[in-house]
């Protein structure tokens, strides 16, 4: 059997994963395990803003063109609203 060619540690997927586990932050799997995951964190934060603010105000076709807040207000009984 011929000898295996030498491979640098950072060329190997397994070595890449091991290096990422030693870092204090979670790595998204990009080419450099040493760089921070700021872009991924920013994308998650923007998604939360959209879901928390914009989605609650957007009129939904499935809810009879009401916003989710308006739909909840219409569908809850007065007894539940008073509680």
PDB file of N, CA and C in Angstrom:
ATOM      1  N   UNK A   1       0.846  -1.171   0.000  1.00  0.00           N
ATOM      2  CA  UNK A   1       0.000   0.000   0.000  1.00  0.00           C
ATOM      3  C   UNK A   1       0.900   1.245   0.000  1.00  0.00           C
ATOM      4  N   UNK A   2       0.649   2.204  -0.901  1.00  0.00           N
ATOM      5  CA  UNK A   2       1.504   3.396  -0.953  1.00  0.00           C
ATOM      6  C   UNK A   2       1.258   4.288   0.270  1.00  0.00           C
ATOM      7  N   UNK A   3       2.271   5.030   0.683  1.00  0.00           N
ATOM      8  CA  UNK A   3       2.077   5.922   1.835  1.00  0.00           C
ATOM      9  C   UNK A   3       1.072   7.020   1.495  1.00  0.00           C
ATOM     10  N   UNK A   4       0.320   7.426   2.504  1.00  0.00           N
ATOM     11  CA  UNK A   4      -0.671   8.491   2.315  1.00  0.00           C
ATOM     12  C   UNK A   4       0.043   9.828   2.185  1.00  0.00           C
ATOM     13  N   UNK A   5      -0.422  10.682   1.302  1.00  0.00           N
ATOM     14  CA  UNK A   5       0.201  12.007   1.203  1.00  0.00           C
ATOM     15  C   UNK A   5      -0.061  12.799   2.482  1.00  0.00           C
ATOM     16  N   UNK A   6       0.927  13.582   2.871  1.00  0.00           N
ATOM     17  CA  UNK A   6       0.730  14.381   4.076  1.00  0.00           C
ATOM     18  C   UNK A   6      -0.274  15.483   3.795  1.00  0.00           C
ATOM     19  N   UNK A   7      -1.086  15.747   4.797  1.00  0.00           N
ATOM     20  CA  UNK A   7      -2.129  16.754   4.649  1.00  0.00           C
ATOM     21  C   UNK A   7      -2.007  17.731   5.808  1.00  0.00           C
ATOM     22  N   UNK A   8      -2.082  18.993   5.502  1.00  0.00           N
ATOM     23  CA  UNK A   8      -2.025  19.993   6.562  1.00  0.00           C
ATOM     24  C   UNK A   8      -3.260  19.878   7.433  1.00  0.00           C
ATOM     25  N   UNK A   9      -3.133  20.179   8.711  1.00  0.00           N
ATOM     26  CA  UNK A   9      -4.247  20.023   9.651  1.00  0.00           C
ATOM     27  C   UNK A   9      -5.429  20.907   9.268  1.00  0.00           C
ATOM     28  N   UNK A  10      -5.177  22.132   8.794  1.00  0.00           N
ATOM     29  CA  UNK A  10      -6.292  23.018   8.482  1.00  0.00           C
ATOM     30  C   UNK A  10      -6.969  22.658   7.162  1.00  0.00           C
ATOM     31  N   UNK A  11      -6.413  21.723   6.391  1.00  0.00           N
ATOM     32  CA  UNK A  11      -7.075  21.270   5.171  1.00  0.00           C
ATOM     33  C   UNK A  11      -8.111  20.194   5.459  1.00  0.00           C
ATOM     34  N   UNK A  12      -8.041  19.587   6.602  1.00  0.00           N
ATOM     35  CA  UNK A  12      -8.923  18.475   6.943  1.00  0.00           C
ATOM     36  C   UNK A  12     -10.192  18.992   7.610  1.00  0.00           C
ATOM     37  N   UNK A  13     -11.341  18.474   7.216  1.00  0.00           N
ATOM     38  CA  UNK A  13     -12.605  18.872   7.842  1.00  0.00           C
ATOM     39  C   UNK A  13     -12.620  18.522   9.323  1.00  0.00           C
ATOM     40  N   UNK A  14     -12.080  17.357   9.653  1.00  0.00           N
ATOM     41  CA  UNK A  14     -12.072  16.964  11.063  1.00  0.00           C
ATOM     42  C   UNK A  14     -11.190  17.890  11.879  1.00  0.00           C
ATOM     43  N   UNK A  15     -10.042  18.241  11.362  1.00  0.00           N
ATOM     44  CA  UNK A  15      -9.156  19.153  12.081  1.00  0.00           C
ATOM     45  C   UNK A  15      -9.810  20.523  12.200  1.00  0.00           C
ATOM     46  N   UNK A  16     -10.529  20.913  11.186  1.00  0.00           N
ATOM     47  CA  UNK A  16     -11.235  22.193  11.211  1.00  0.00           C
ATOM     48  C   UNK A  16     -12.264  22.198  12.336  1.00  0.00           C
ATOM     49  N   UNK A  17     -13.005  21.113  12.470  1.00  0.00           N
ATOM     50  CA  UNK A  17     -13.998  21.009  13.535  1.00  0.00           C
ATOM     51  C   UNK A  17     -13.365  21.005  14.912  1.00  0.00           C
ATOM     52  N   UNK A  18     -12.239  20.310  15.064  1.00  0.00           N
ATOM     53  CA  UNK A  18     -11.558  20.275  16.359  1.00  0.00           C
ATOM     54  C   UNK A  18     -11.073  21.667  16.736  1.00  0.00           C
ATOM     55  N   UNK A  19     -10.557  22.405  15.763  1.00  0.00           N
ATOM     56  CA  UNK A  19     -10.095  23.753  16.052  1.00  0.00           C
ATOM     57  C   UNK A  19     -11.241  24.665  16.447  1.00  0.00           C
ATOM     58  N   UNK A  20     -12.377  24.481  15.830  1.00  0.00           N
ATOM     59  CA  UNK A  20     -13.528  25.322  16.143  1.00  0.00           C
ATOM     60  C   UNK A  20     -14.047  25.035  17.543  1.00  0.00           C
ATOM     61  N   UNK A  21     -13.947  23.783  18.002  1.00  0.00           N
ATOM     62  CA  UNK A  21     -14.449  23.443  19.336  1.00  0.00           C
ATOM     63  C   UNK A  21     -13.626  24.098  20.435  1.00  0.00           C
ATOM     64  N   UNK A  22     -12.381  24.425  20.165  1.00  0.00           N
ATOM     65  CA  UNK A  22     -11.539  25.043  21.179  1.00  0.00           C
ATOM     66  C   UNK A  22     -11.826  26.533  21.336  1.00  0.00           C
ATOM     67  N   UNK A  23     -12.563  27.114  20.430  1.00  0.00           N
ATOM     68  CA  UNK A  23     -12.824  28.546  20.468  1.00  0.00           C
ATOM     69  C   UNK A  23     -13.946  28.859  21.449  1.00  0.00           C
ATOM     70  N   UNK A  24     -13.965  30.068  22.017  1.00  0.00           N
ATOM     71  CA  UNK A  24     -15.014  30.419  22.976  1.00  0.00           C
ATOM     72  C   UNK A  24     -16.378  30.652  22.329  1.00  0.00           C
ATOM     73  N   UNK A  25     -16.448  30.831  21.037  1.00  0.00           N
ATOM     74  CA  UNK A  25     -17.726  31.046  20.353  1.00  0.00           C
ATOM     75  C   UNK A  25     -18.001  29.882  19.411  1.00  0.00           C
ATOM     76  N   UNK A  26     -19.226  29.759  18.971  1.00  0.00           N
ATOM     77  CA  UNK A  26     -19.591  28.673  18.064  1.00  0.00           C
ATOM     78  C   UNK A  26     -19.270  29.102  16.633  1.00  0.00           C
ATOM     79  N   UNK A  27     -18.636  28.235  15.898  1.00  0.00           N
ATOM     80  CA  UNK A  27     -18.220  28.533  14.529  1.00  0.00           C
ATOM     81  C   UNK A  27     -19.271  28.038  13.554  1.00  0.00           C
ATOM     82  N   UNK A  28     -19.578  28.829  12.539  1.00  0.00           N
ATOM     83  CA  UNK A  28     -20.627  28.469  11.588  1.00  0.00           C
ATOM     84  C   UNK A  28     -20.148  27.543  10.479  1.00  0.00           C
ATOM     85  N   UNK A  29     -18.878  27.262  10.403  1.00  0.00           N
ATOM     86  CA  UNK A  29     -18.374  26.343   9.390  1.00  0.00           C
ATOM     87  C   UNK A  29     -17.721  27.028   8.214  1.00  0.00           C
ATOM     88  N   UNK A  30     -17.372  28.292   8.352  1.00  0.00           N
ATOM     89  CA  UNK A  30     -16.697  29.014   7.285  1.00  0.00           C
ATOM     90  C   UNK A  30     -15.264  28.539   7.124  1.00  0.00           C
ATOM     91  N   UNK A  31     -14.522  29.148   6.212  1.00  0.00           N
ATOM     92  CA  UNK A  31     -13.179  28.669   5.917  1.00  0.00           C
ATOM     93  C   UNK A  31     -12.164  28.916   7.027  1.00  0.00           C
ATOM     94  N   UNK A  32     -12.370  29.895   7.880  1.00  0.00           N
ATOM     95  CA  UNK A  32     -11.381  30.223   8.901  1.00  0.00           C
ATOM     96  C   UNK A  32     -11.989  30.054  10.290  1.00  0.00           C
ATOM     97  N   UNK A  33     -11.603  29.017  11.039  1.00  0.00           N
ATOM     98  CA  UNK A  33     -12.192  28.819  12.359  1.00  0.00           C
ATOM     99  C   UNK A  33     -11.759  29.877  13.364  1.00  0.00           C
ATOM    100  N   UNK A  34     -10.794  30.712  13.014  1.00  0.00           N
ATOM    101  CA  UNK A  34     -10.320  31.726  13.931  1.00  0.00           C
ATOM    102  C   UNK A  34     -11.128  33.018  13.885  1.00  0.00           C
ATOM    103  N   UNK A  35     -11.913  33.228  12.842  1.00  0.00           N
ATOM    104  CA  UNK A  35     -12.659  34.481  12.757  1.00  0.00           C
ATOM    105  C   UNK A  35     -13.967  34.359  13.531  1.00  0.00           C
ATOM    106  N   UNK A  36     -14.449  35.474  14.034  1.00  0.00           N
ATOM    107  CA  UNK A  36     -15.659  35.434  14.861  1.00  0.00           C
ATOM    108  C   UNK A  36     -16.893  35.237  13.998  1.00  0.00           C
ATOM    109  N   UNK A  37     -17.966  34.889  14.626  1.00  0.00           N
ATOM    110  CA  UNK A  37     -19.215  34.599  13.937  1.00  0.00           C
ATOM    111  C   UNK A  37     -20.151  35.806  13.993  1.00  0.00           C
ATOM    112  N   UNK A  38     -19.591  36.981  13.836  1.00  0.00           N
ATOM    113  CA  UNK A  38     -20.376  38.198  13.982  1.00  0.00           C
ATOM    114  C   UNK A  38     -21.485  38.303  12.942  1.00  0.00           C
ATOM    115  N   UNK A  39     -21.225  37.896  11.717  1.00  0.00           N
ATOM    116  CA  UNK A  39     -22.236  37.979  10.662  1.00  0.00           C
ATOM    117  C   UNK A  39     -23.419  37.069  10.968  1.00  0.00           C
ATOM    118  N   UNK A  40     -23.155  35.881  11.467  1.00  0.00           N
ATOM    119  CA  UNK A  40     -24.244  34.962  11.816  1.00  0.00           C
ATOM    120  C   UNK A  40     -25.051  35.511  12.984  1.00  0.00           C
ATOM    121  N   UNK A  41     -24.381  36.070  13.975  1.00  0.00           N
ATOM    122  CA  UNK A  41     -25.085  36.647  15.116  1.00  0.00           C
ATOM    123  C   UNK A  41     -25.937  37.832  14.679  1.00  0.00           C
ATOM    124  N   UNK A  42     -25.415  38.633  13.755  1.00  0.00           N
ATOM    125  CA  UNK A  42     -26.170  39.778  13.256  1.00  0.00           C
ATOM    126  C   UNK A  42     -27.411  39.315  12.494  1.00  0.00           C
ATOM    127  N   UNK A  43     -27.283  38.244  11.707  1.00  0.00           N
ATOM    128  CA  UNK A  43     -28.424  37.720  10.953  1.00  0.00           C
ATOM    129  C   UNK A  43     -29.510  37.214  11.893  1.00  0.00           C
ATOM    130  N   UNK A  44     -29.125  36.558  12.975  1.00  0.00           N
ATOM    131  CA  UNK A  44     -30.103  36.076  13.954  1.00  0.00           C
ATOM    132  C   UNK A  44     -30.803  37.258  14.612  1.00  0.00           C
ATOM    133  N   UNK A  45     -30.053  38.283  14.969  1.00  0.00           N
ATOM    134  CA  UNK A  45     -30.647  39.461  15.601  1.00  0.00           C
ATOM    135  C   UNK A  45     -31.623  40.153  14.658  1.00  0.00           C
ATOM    136  N   UNK A  46     -31.270  40.260  13.384  1.00  0.00           N
ATOM    137  CA  UNK A  46     -32.176  40.880  12.418  1.00  0.00           C
ATOM    138  C   UNK A  46     -33.440  40.051  12.248  1.00  0.00           C
ATOM    139  N   UNK A  47     -33.315  38.734  12.268  1.00  0.00           N
ATOM    140  CA  UNK A  47     -34.484  37.866  12.178  1.00  0.00           C
ATOM    141  C   UNK A  47     -35.416  38.051  13.352  1.00  0.00           C
ATOM    142  N   UNK A  48     -34.846  38.224  14.538  1.00  0.00           N
ATOM    143  CA  UNK A  48     -35.676  38.463  15.728  1.00  0.00           C
ATOM    144  C   UNK A  48     -36.402  39.796  15.624  1.00  0.00           C
ATOM    145  N   UNK A  49     -35.742  40.806  15.076  1.00  0.00           N
ATOM    146  CA  UNK A  49     -36.388  42.106  14.907  1.00  0.00           C
ATOM    147  C   UNK A  49     -37.569  41.983  13.956  1.00  0.00           C
ATOM    148  N   UNK A  50     -37.361  41.290  12.847  1.00  0.00           N
ATOM    149  CA  UNK A  50     -38.440  41.119  11.867  1.00  0.00           C
ATOM    150  C   UNK A  50     -39.605  40.374  12.498  1.00  0.00           C
ATOM    151  N   UNK A  51     -39.326  39.276  13.192  1.00  0.00           N
ATOM    152  CA  UNK A  51     -40.397  38.494  13.798  1.00  0.00           C
ATOM    153  C   UNK A  51     -41.075  39.264  14.927  1.00  0.00           C
ATOM    154  N   UNK A  52     -40.301  40.003  15.700  1.00  0.00           N
ATOM    155  CA  UNK A  52     -40.854  40.695  16.859  1.00  0.00           C
ATOM    156  C   UNK A  52     -41.608  41.964  16.534  1.00  0.00           C
ATOM    157  N   UNK A  53     -41.184  42.687  15.521  1.00  0.00           N
ATOM    158  CA  UNK A  53     -41.809  43.979  15.224  1.00  0.00           C
ATOM    159  C   UNK A  53     -42.627  43.945  13.947  1.00  0.00           C
ATOM    160  N   UNK A  54     -41.977  43.670  12.847  1.00  0.00           N
ATOM    161  CA  UNK A  54     -42.631  43.754  11.547  1.00  0.00           C
ATOM    162  C   UNK A  54     -43.732  42.713  11.394  1.00  0.00           C
ATOM    163  N   UNK A  55     -43.451  41.469  11.751  1.00  0.00           N
ATOM    164  CA  UNK A  55     -44.428  40.401  11.550  1.00  0.00           C
ATOM    165  C   UNK A  55     -45.697  40.649  12.363  1.00  0.00           C
ATOM    166  N   UNK A  56     -45.554  41.203  13.563  1.00  0.00           N
ATOM    167  CA  UNK A  56     -46.734  41.440  14.405  1.00  0.00           C
ATOM    168  C   UNK A  56     -47.620  42.548  13.838  1.00  0.00           C
ATOM    169  N   UNK A  57     -47.061  43.443  13.014  1.00  0.00           N
ATOM    170  CA  UNK A  57     -47.853  44.539  12.441  1.00  0.00           C
ATOM    171  C   UNK A  57     -48.342  44.257  11.033  1.00  0.00           C
ATOM    172  N   UNK A  58     -47.767  43.234  10.374  1.00  0.00           N
ATOM    173  CA  UNK A  58     -48.132  42.940   8.994  1.00  0.00           C
ATOM    174  C   UNK A  58     -49.472  42.225   8.937  1.00  0.00           C
ATOM    175  N   UNK A  59     -50.332  42.651   8.035  1.00  0.00           N
ATOM    176  CA  UNK A  59     -51.637  42.006   7.890  1.00  0.00           C
ATOM    177  C   UNK A  59     -51.455  40.654   7.224  1.00  0.00           C
ATOM    178  N   UNK A  60     -52.075  39.630   7.793  1.00  0.00           N
ATOM    179  CA  UNK A  60     -51.915  38.259   7.331  1.00  0.00           C
ATOM    180  C   UNK A  60     -53.155  37.820   6.556  1.00  0.00           C
ATOM    181  N   UNK A  61     -52.958  37.299   5.354  1.00  0.00           N
ATOM    182  CA  UNK A  61     -54.081  36.821   4.539  1.00  0.00           C
ATOM    183  C   UNK A  61     -54.802  35.669   5.227  1.00  0.00           C
ATOM    184  N   UNK A  62     -54.080  34.795   5.879  1.00  0.00           N
ATOM    185  CA  UNK A  62     -54.691  33.643   6.549  1.00  0.00           C
ATOM    186  C   UNK A  62     -55.517  34.052   7.765  1.00  0.00           C
ATOM    187  N   UNK A  63     -55.322  35.262   8.267  1.00  0.00           N
ATOM    188  CA  UNK A  63     -56.065  35.733   9.440  1.00  0.00           C
ATOM    189  C   UNK A  63     -57.145  36.729   9.048  1.00  0.00           C
ATOM    190  N   UNK A  64     -57.582  36.705   7.815  1.00  0.00           N
ATOM    191  CA  UNK A  64     -58.631  37.622   7.367  1.00  0.00           C
ATOM    192  C   UNK A  64     -58.157  39.057   7.270  1.00  0.00           C
ATOM    193  N   UNK A  65     -56.917  39.250   6.823  1.00  0.00           N
ATOM    194  CA  UNK A  65     -56.292  40.572   6.652  1.00  0.00           C
ATOM    195  C   UNK A  65     -56.169  41.333   7.972  1.00  0.00           C
ATOM    196  N   UNK A  66     -56.071  40.614   9.080  1.00  0.00           N
ATOM    197  CA  UNK A  66     -55.831  41.231  10.382  1.00  0.00           C
ATOM    198  C   UNK A  66     -54.372  41.012  10.769  1.00  0.00           C
ATOM    199  N   UNK A  67     -53.858  41.878  11.616  1.00  0.00           N
ATOM    200  CA  UNK A  67     -52.530  41.628  12.168  1.00  0.00           C
ATOM    201  C   UNK A  67     -52.674  40.519  13.208  1.00  0.00           C
ATOM    202  N   UNK A  68     -51.602  39.831  13.567  1.00  0.00           N
ATOM    203  CA  UNK A  68     -51.710  38.796  14.598  1.00  0.00           C
ATOM    204  C   UNK A  68     -52.263  39.330  15.918  1.00  0.00           C
ATOM    205  N   UNK A  69     -51.888  40.549  16.296  1.00  0.00           N
ATOM    206  CA  UNK A  69     -52.391  41.135  17.541  1.00  0.00           C
ATOM    207  C   UNK A  69     -53.895  41.387  17.437  1.00  0.00           C
ATOM    208  N   UNK A  70     -54.351  41.939  16.305  1.00  0.00           N
ATOM    209  CA  UNK A  70     -55.789  42.170  16.114  1.00  0.00           C
ATOM    210  C   UNK A  70     -56.556  40.854  16.119  1.00  0.00           C
ATOM    211  N   UNK A  71     -56.001  39.831  15.482  1.00  0.00           N
ATOM    212  CA  UNK A  71     -56.661  38.530  15.429  1.00  0.00           C
ATOM    213  C   UNK A  71     -56.809  37.943  16.831  1.00  0.00           C
ATOM    214  N   UNK A  72     -55.768  38.021  17.647  1.00  0.00           N
ATOM    215  CA  UNK A  72     -55.847  37.519  19.018  1.00  0.00           C
ATOM    216  C   UNK A  72     -56.888  38.289  19.820  1.00  0.00           C
ATOM    217  N   UNK A  73     -56.961  39.596  19.614  1.00  0.00           N
ATOM    218  CA  UNK A  73     -57.936  40.411  20.332  1.00  0.00           C
ATOM    219  C   UNK A  73     -59.357  40.021  19.951  1.00  0.00           C
ATOM    220  N   UNK A  74     -59.611  39.808  18.670  1.00  0.00           N
ATOM    221  CA  UNK A  74     -60.949  39.442  18.197  1.00  0.00           C
ATOM    222  C   UNK A  74     -61.324  38.041  18.666  1.00  0.00           C
ATOM    223  N   UNK A  75     -60.383  37.111  18.646  1.00  0.00           N
ATOM    224  CA  UNK A  75     -60.690  35.709  18.926  1.00  0.00           C
ATOM    225  C   UNK A  75     -60.758  35.366  20.414  1.00  0.00           C
ATOM    226  N   UNK A  76     -60.164  36.166  21.284  1.00  0.00           N
ATOM    227  CA  UNK A  76     -60.245  35.855  22.715  1.00  0.00           C
ATOM    228  C   UNK A  76     -61.565  36.357  23.269  1.00  0.00           C
ATOM    229  N   UNK A  77     -62.094  35.633  24.231  1.00  0.00           N
ATOM    230  CA  UNK A  77     -63.380  36.008  24.835  1.00  0.00           C
ATOM    231  C   UNK A  77     -63.162  37.160  25.808  1.00  0.00           C
ATOM    232  N   UNK A  78     -64.202  37.941  26.082  1.00  0.00           N
ATOM    233  CA  UNK A  78     -64.054  39.049  27.034  1.00  0.00           C
ATOM    234  C   UNK A  78     -63.617  38.579  28.423  1.00  0.00           C
ATOM    235  N   UNK A  79     -64.037  37.389  28.838  1.00  0.00           N
ATOM    236  CA  UNK A  79     -63.638  36.879  30.151  1.00  0.00           C
ATOM    237  C   UNK A  79     -62.130  36.642  30.211  1.00  0.00           C
ATOM    238  N   UNK A  80     -61.560  36.139  29.124  1.00  0.00           N
ATOM    239  CA  UNK A  80     -60.115  35.917  29.093  1.00  0.00           C
ATOM    240  C   UNK A  80     -59.348  37.237  29.028  1.00  0.00           C
ATOM    241  N   UNK A  81     -59.924  38.236  28.350  1.00  0.00           N
ATOM    242  CA  UNK A  81     -59.255  39.533  28.260  1.00  0.00           C
ATOM    243  C   UNK A  81     -59.221  40.224  29.613  1.00  0.00           C
ATOM    244  N   UNK A  82     -60.277  40.035  30.439  1.00  0.00           N
ATOM    245  CA  UNK A  82     -60.344  40.679  31.746  1.00  0.00           C
ATOM    246  C   UNK A  82     -59.372  40.036  32.740  1.00  0.00           C
ATOM    247  N   UNK A  83     -59.032  38.800  32.526  1.00  0.00           N
ATOM    248  CA  UNK A  83     -58.171  38.079  33.487  1.00  0.00           C
ATOM    249  C   UNK A  83     -56.753  38.481  33.423  1.00  0.00           C
TER     250      UNK A  83
END
